Structures are given as structure tokens and as C-alpha cells.
């Protein structure tokens, strides 16, 4: 397995006003808001979401595209619903998906507040079984409207695929438009015998072999195999003091 460099942030070309880094707990609120804007609030009903519900992304394969600097210097900052503008926003943005606020995330949120970090893109990969063959499922890929056509999506894709290859994974599968994802090497060549747990267009089920032959014999249903996310514990309420 090729060793993956322990680099937290991948700087993009100087002309690009964004950077790619590993996803953080403080990205949760902004990421969910971005996905709602890009795919609609009914996105949780999509077929591929069934492979993600209750699961954690593959280790080291969840990425965020961000811009950072004074609010006045961030493009479109006057109308950014996911900018961190107040101390209340800072605290809220630090929560994880269970609504917890770990100390490291709180410190990170305070730093983001000072630096006005804004999340403008997200991409995750997930462990799946492609008819018994281990693989990754890519998605969702989302980019903020104000940062489209600046290479955010392309950079996220290239960074994520390089990381997946470095981690030793053999194949990546996704559901998307062939004209767009074909530029990264995805095709339906190895997906004709695969299916998803819900309605989908077979022509949009694409795959990329990071290791030649890794999808040989892949037939049947694609199923989630990632680690399950622990359900949040219910907080105990103190009984009322009847003597008070």
C-alpha cells in the first residue's frame, strides 16, 4: 500500500481562491446547508443515500473545499448563509452530527470565526460491497453556486481519487453524469451487472478501477459496509424536586 502523506490541507493553484482539506467536525452545519441548497431538502430520499444513512465515511476520505480571510474579501460574503459571522454561529458550527460540542471543535470554531472560513465544496467516499467485491461509493459532490466554474469540483475529485488510490482502495463507484465524470476515467464498463437498493438509471451507474481488474466478478446489489455511526445518547433529565 502506498503511504499517504500526512498533509491536512492541499493548496490549489495560486489563481484558485480555495483550498482542499480533510473534513472537520466544525464543517457539519455548513456542509448540510450546502447539500440542501444543491440537491434540495428531499435529498435524503435518493437511492444512494440508503448506502450512507447511519454510516461513517471511509477513513481519511471526506474532504472540504474552503475559502478563508476577512469577510469583505470572500466573494459574495454579504449573502452567505453558511458563513461564520457571530459568536453564536461559531458555537453552533462546532457541533458534530449528534449535536455534541467537543473542546477541540469549539476551539476550531472560534478560530474559524476570527478567520471567516467558509465551506464552498464537499465530497465524501463510503465503503461498499459491489456484489461481494470491496469498493468505494463516491458522493455527494457539491459546490457552492458562487464558486462554480472555478475548478472546485475538479480539484475535489482529483484530490479524493488520489487519496483513495494512496489508501490502497481498488475501485470507486458513483451515480452521475457520464460526460462529467468520464473526464476522471469513470465509465459503465464494469457496472452492467450491478444494481442499487432503489430506482436508478443504469447508464448513470459508473465506476473507476484504481487497480486493474478490481471489479472482475462484481455482480449483484451494491450494499453499505462502512462503520456504523453510534446513535446519540438521550440526555437524562433530573427529576423535579417535589419538596421545593
Protein backbone atom coordinates (compact mmCIF):
# COMPACT_ATOMS: atom_id res chain seq x y z
CA UNK A 1 0.00 0.00 0.00
CA UNK A 2 1.33 3.42 -0.90
CA UNK A 3 1.84 5.63 2.11
CA UNK A 4 -0.37 8.71 2.17
CA UNK A 5 1.37 11.91 3.12
CA UNK A 6 0.07 13.38 6.34
CA UNK A 7 -0.89 16.70 4.77
CA UNK A 8 -4.06 18.18 6.15
CA UNK A 9 -4.56 20.89 3.55
CA UNK A 10 -3.94 20.65 -0.18
CA UNK A 11 -3.36 24.12 -1.55
CA UNK A 12 -4.78 24.67 -5.00
CA UNK A 13 -3.04 26.73 -7.72
CA UNK A 14 -2.37 30.35 -6.80
CA UNK A 15 -5.13 31.54 -9.13
CA UNK A 16 -7.73 29.47 -7.26
CA UNK A 17 -9.26 31.18 -4.19
CA UNK A 18 -9.85 27.96 -2.27
CA UNK A 19 -8.08 25.08 -0.55
CA UNK A 20 -8.94 21.40 -0.09
CA UNK A 21 -8.59 19.88 3.37
CA UNK A 22 -9.87 16.96 5.41
CA UNK A 23 -13.43 17.38 6.62
CA UNK A 24 -13.75 18.60 10.21
CA UNK A 25 -16.46 18.36 12.85
CA UNK A 26 -16.98 22.11 12.54
CA UNK A 27 -18.00 21.65 8.87
CA UNK A 28 -21.21 19.78 9.72
CA UNK A 29 -23.68 22.66 9.73
CA UNK A 30 -22.25 24.36 6.63
CA UNK A 31 -21.97 21.05 4.76
CA UNK A 32 -25.59 20.08 5.41
CA UNK A 33 -26.79 23.55 4.36
CA UNK A 34 -24.73 23.33 1.16
CA UNK A 35 -26.16 19.91 0.31
CA UNK A 36 -29.70 21.17 0.91
CA UNK A 37 -29.13 24.07 -1.48
CA UNK A 38 -27.56 21.90 -4.16
CA UNK A 39 -29.86 18.86 -4.02
CA UNK A 40 -32.98 20.02 -2.21
CA UNK A 41 -34.25 19.11 1.22
CA UNK A 42 -35.62 15.81 -0.14
CA UNK A 43 -32.11 14.62 -0.93
CA UNK A 44 -32.35 12.08 1.90
CA UNK A 45 -34.87 10.14 -0.20
CA UNK A 46 -32.38 9.48 -3.02
CA UNK A 47 -31.31 5.92 -3.70
CA UNK A 48 -27.61 6.44 -2.93
CA UNK A 49 -28.49 7.94 0.42
CA UNK A 50 -29.50 4.44 1.52
CA UNK A 51 -25.83 3.49 1.29
CA UNK A 52 -24.86 6.40 3.56
CA UNK A 53 -27.56 6.55 6.21
CA UNK A 54 -26.22 5.55 9.60
CA UNK A 55 -22.70 5.04 8.24
CA UNK A 56 -19.43 6.92 8.60
CA UNK A 57 -17.43 7.95 5.52
CA UNK A 58 -14.35 5.88 4.67
CA UNK A 59 -11.42 6.84 6.87
CA UNK A 60 -9.43 9.76 5.52
CA UNK A 61 -11.74 10.15 2.51
CA UNK A 62 -14.04 13.03 3.40
CA UNK A 63 -12.96 16.42 2.09
CA UNK A 64 -13.99 20.07 2.25
CA UNK A 65 -13.18 22.96 -0.07
CA UNK A 66 -12.87 26.22 1.84
CA UNK A 67 -12.05 29.87 1.42
CA UNK A 68 -10.59 31.85 4.28
CA UNK A 69 -9.98 35.50 5.06
CA UNK A 70 -11.78 38.67 6.15
CA UNK A 71 -15.46 38.55 5.21
CA UNK A 72 -15.06 41.56 2.91
CA UNK A 73 -12.56 39.61 0.82
CA UNK A 74 -14.68 36.46 0.39
CA UNK A 75 -16.64 36.52 -2.82
CA UNK A 76 -20.35 37.01 -2.20
CA UNK A 77 -19.88 37.23 1.55
CA UNK A 78 -22.86 39.56 2.03
CA UNK A 79 -25.29 36.74 1.30
CA UNK A 80 -23.62 33.66 2.66
CA UNK A 81 -25.92 31.57 4.85
CA UNK A 82 -23.05 29.31 5.89
CA UNK A 83 -20.53 31.97 6.84
CA UNK A 84 -19.49 32.09 10.48
CA UNK A 85 -20.34 35.66 11.45
CA UNK A 86 -21.17 35.74 15.17
CA UNK A 87 -20.02 34.01 18.31
CA UNK A 88 -23.34 32.14 18.34
CA UNK A 89 -22.67 30.93 14.78
CA UNK A 90 -19.20 29.90 15.88
CA UNK A 91 -20.53 27.71 18.68
CA UNK A 92 -23.29 26.21 16.51
CA UNK A 93 -20.86 25.40 13.70
CA UNK A 94 -18.70 23.41 16.08
CA UNK A 95 -21.30 20.74 16.78
CA UNK A 96 -20.91 17.28 15.34
CA UNK A 97 -23.73 15.33 13.68
CA UNK A 98 -25.01 14.30 17.11
CA UNK A 99 -25.17 17.87 18.40
CA UNK A 100 -22.12 17.50 20.64
CA UNK A 101 -19.53 20.20 21.14
CA UNK A 102 -16.09 18.69 21.84
CA UNK A 103 -13.47 21.12 23.14
CA UNK A 104 -11.23 20.80 20.09
CA UNK A 105 -14.16 21.62 17.80
CA UNK A 106 -15.05 24.65 19.94
CA UNK A 107 -11.50 25.95 19.65
CA UNK A 108 -11.59 25.32 15.91
CA UNK A 109 -14.91 27.12 15.57
CA UNK A 110 -13.55 30.16 17.39
CA UNK A 111 -10.57 30.22 15.03
CA UNK A 112 -12.91 29.92 12.03
CA UNK A 113 -14.92 32.83 13.39
CA UNK A 114 -11.82 35.02 13.50
CA UNK A 115 -10.65 33.92 10.06
CA UNK A 116 -14.14 33.86 8.45
CA UNK A 117 -13.70 30.39 6.97
CA UNK A 118 -16.39 29.43 4.52
CA UNK A 119 -17.08 25.93 3.20
CA UNK A 120 -17.72 26.05 -0.57
CA UNK A 121 -17.46 22.38 -1.54
CA UNK A 122 -17.78 18.87 -0.11
CA UNK A 123 -17.01 15.34 -1.24
CA UNK A 124 -17.07 12.02 0.62
CA UNK A 125 -16.36 8.37 -0.19
CA UNK A 126 -18.01 5.40 1.52
CA UNK A 127 -17.21 1.71 1.97
CA UNK A 128 -19.49 -0.58 -0.04
CA UNK A 129 -19.64 -4.13 -1.31
CA UNK A 130 -20.19 -4.27 -5.06
CA UNK A 131 -21.80 -7.67 -5.30
CA UNK A 132 -19.24 -9.06 -2.86
CA UNK A 133 -16.28 -7.01 -4.15
CA UNK A 134 -14.93 -4.28 -1.81
CA UNK A 135 -15.19 -0.81 -3.32
CA UNK A 136 -15.87 2.83 -2.50
CA UNK A 137 -19.02 4.80 -3.33
CA UNK A 138 -18.37 8.44 -4.18
CA UNK A 139 -20.76 11.23 -3.31
CA UNK A 140 -22.31 13.54 -2.88
CA UNK A 141 -20.12 16.08 -4.63
CA UNK A 142 -21.45 19.59 -4.09
CA UNK A 143 -20.07 23.05 -4.86
CA UNK A 144 -21.49 26.42 -3.81
CA UNK A 145 -23.11 28.30 -6.70
CA UNK A 146 -20.85 31.32 -6.26
CA UNK A 147 -17.77 29.14 -6.72
CA UNK A 148 -18.87 27.14 -9.76
CA UNK A 149 -16.56 27.17 -12.81
CA UNK A 150 -13.53 27.87 -10.61
CA UNK A 151 -12.34 24.26 -10.55
CA UNK A 152 -13.60 23.38 -7.07
CA UNK A 153 -15.37 20.20 -8.19
CA UNK A 154 -12.49 19.05 -10.37
CA UNK A 155 -9.95 19.67 -7.61
CA UNK A 156 -12.07 17.83 -5.05
CA UNK A 157 -12.42 14.86 -7.41
CA UNK A 158 -8.72 14.67 -8.23
CA UNK A 159 -7.72 15.03 -4.58
CA UNK A 160 -10.21 12.38 -3.40
CA UNK A 161 -9.25 9.84 -6.07
CA UNK A 162 -5.55 10.33 -5.37
CA UNK A 163 -6.22 9.78 -1.66
CA UNK A 164 -8.30 6.66 -2.34
CA UNK A 165 -5.51 5.26 -4.51
CA UNK A 166 -2.90 6.08 -1.86
CA UNK A 167 -5.02 4.31 0.77
CA UNK A 168 -4.91 1.16 -1.35
CA UNK A 169 -8.54 1.02 -2.49
CA UNK A 170 -9.24 -0.84 -5.72
CA UNK A 171 -12.32 0.81 -7.22
CA UNK A 172 -14.70 3.75 -6.92
CA UNK A 173 -18.36 3.67 -7.95
CA UNK A 174 -20.77 6.58 -8.33
CA UNK A 175 -24.14 7.54 -9.73
CA UNK A 176 -23.74 10.56 -12.01
CA UNK A 177 -23.49 12.05 -15.47
CA UNK A 178 -21.07 10.20 -17.73
CA UNK A 179 -19.98 13.33 -19.69
CA UNK A 180 -18.77 14.98 -16.48
CA UNK A 181 -17.27 12.01 -14.63
CA UNK A 182 -15.83 10.47 -17.77
CA UNK A 183 -13.02 13.02 -17.65
CA UNK A 184 -11.79 11.32 -14.46
CA UNK A 185 -11.90 7.85 -16.02
CA UNK A 186 -15.37 6.72 -14.92
CA UNK A 187 -17.49 4.62 -17.25
CA UNK A 188 -20.26 1.99 -17.20
CA UNK A 189 -17.87 -0.69 -18.48
CA UNK A 190 -17.84 -2.60 -15.18
CA UNK A 191 -21.28 -1.79 -13.77
CA UNK A 192 -23.66 -3.61 -16.09
CA UNK A 193 -24.17 -6.45 -13.63
CA UNK A 194 -24.52 -4.21 -10.56
CA UNK A 195 -27.64 -2.67 -9.05
CA UNK A 196 -28.59 -0.24 -6.28
CA UNK A 197 -31.13 -0.61 -3.45
CA UNK A 198 -33.70 1.60 -5.15
CA UNK A 199 -34.60 3.18 -8.51
CA UNK A 200 -31.70 4.38 -10.66
CA UNK A 201 -30.71 4.89 -14.30
CA UNK A 202 -28.24 2.11 -15.28
CA UNK A 203 -26.42 4.45 -17.70
CA UNK A 204 -25.53 6.70 -14.74
CA UNK A 205 -24.01 3.94 -12.62
CA UNK A 206 -20.29 4.44 -13.30
CA UNK A 207 -17.06 3.02 -11.95
CA UNK A 208 -13.32 3.62 -12.00
CA UNK A 209 -10.84 0.85 -11.30
CA UNK A 210 -7.92 2.25 -9.33
CA UNK A 211 -6.36 -1.20 -9.60
CA UNK A 212 -6.89 -3.01 -12.90
CA UNK A 213 -9.28 -5.94 -12.59
CA UNK A 214 -10.52 -4.95 -9.13
CA UNK A 215 -14.16 -5.16 -10.26
CA UNK A 216 -13.82 -8.52 -12.00
CA UNK A 217 -16.71 -10.69 -10.90
CA UNK A 218 -18.66 -7.78 -9.38
CA UNK A 219 -22.31 -8.76 -9.73
CA UNK A 220 -25.46 -8.08 -7.80
CA UNK A 221 -26.52 -5.48 -5.26
CA UNK A 222 -24.27 -2.71 -4.00
CA UNK A 223 -24.51 -2.67 -0.21
CA UNK A 224 -23.15 -0.42 2.52
CA UNK A 225 -20.28 -1.85 4.58
CA UNK A 226 -18.95 1.25 6.35
CA UNK A 227 -18.70 1.63 10.09
CA UNK A 228 -22.00 2.44 11.73
CA UNK A 229 -22.37 5.83 13.37
CA UNK A 230 -23.32 5.48 17.06
CA UNK A 231 -26.77 6.81 17.84
CA UNK A 232 -26.69 9.89 20.10
CA UNK A 233 -27.40 9.09 23.72
CA UNK A 234 -30.56 10.57 25.17
CA UNK A 235 -29.77 13.11 27.85
CA UNK A 236 -31.08 12.24 31.27
CA UNK A 237 -33.28 14.86 32.84
CA UNK A 238 -33.09 15.45 36.56
CA UNK A 239 -36.38 14.69 38.39
CA UNK A 240 -38.16 17.71 39.72
CA UNK A 241 -37.57 18.46 43.39
CA UNK A 242 -41.05 17.89 44.77
CA UNK A 243 -40.03 19.33 48.14
CA UNK A 244 -39.06 22.67 46.62
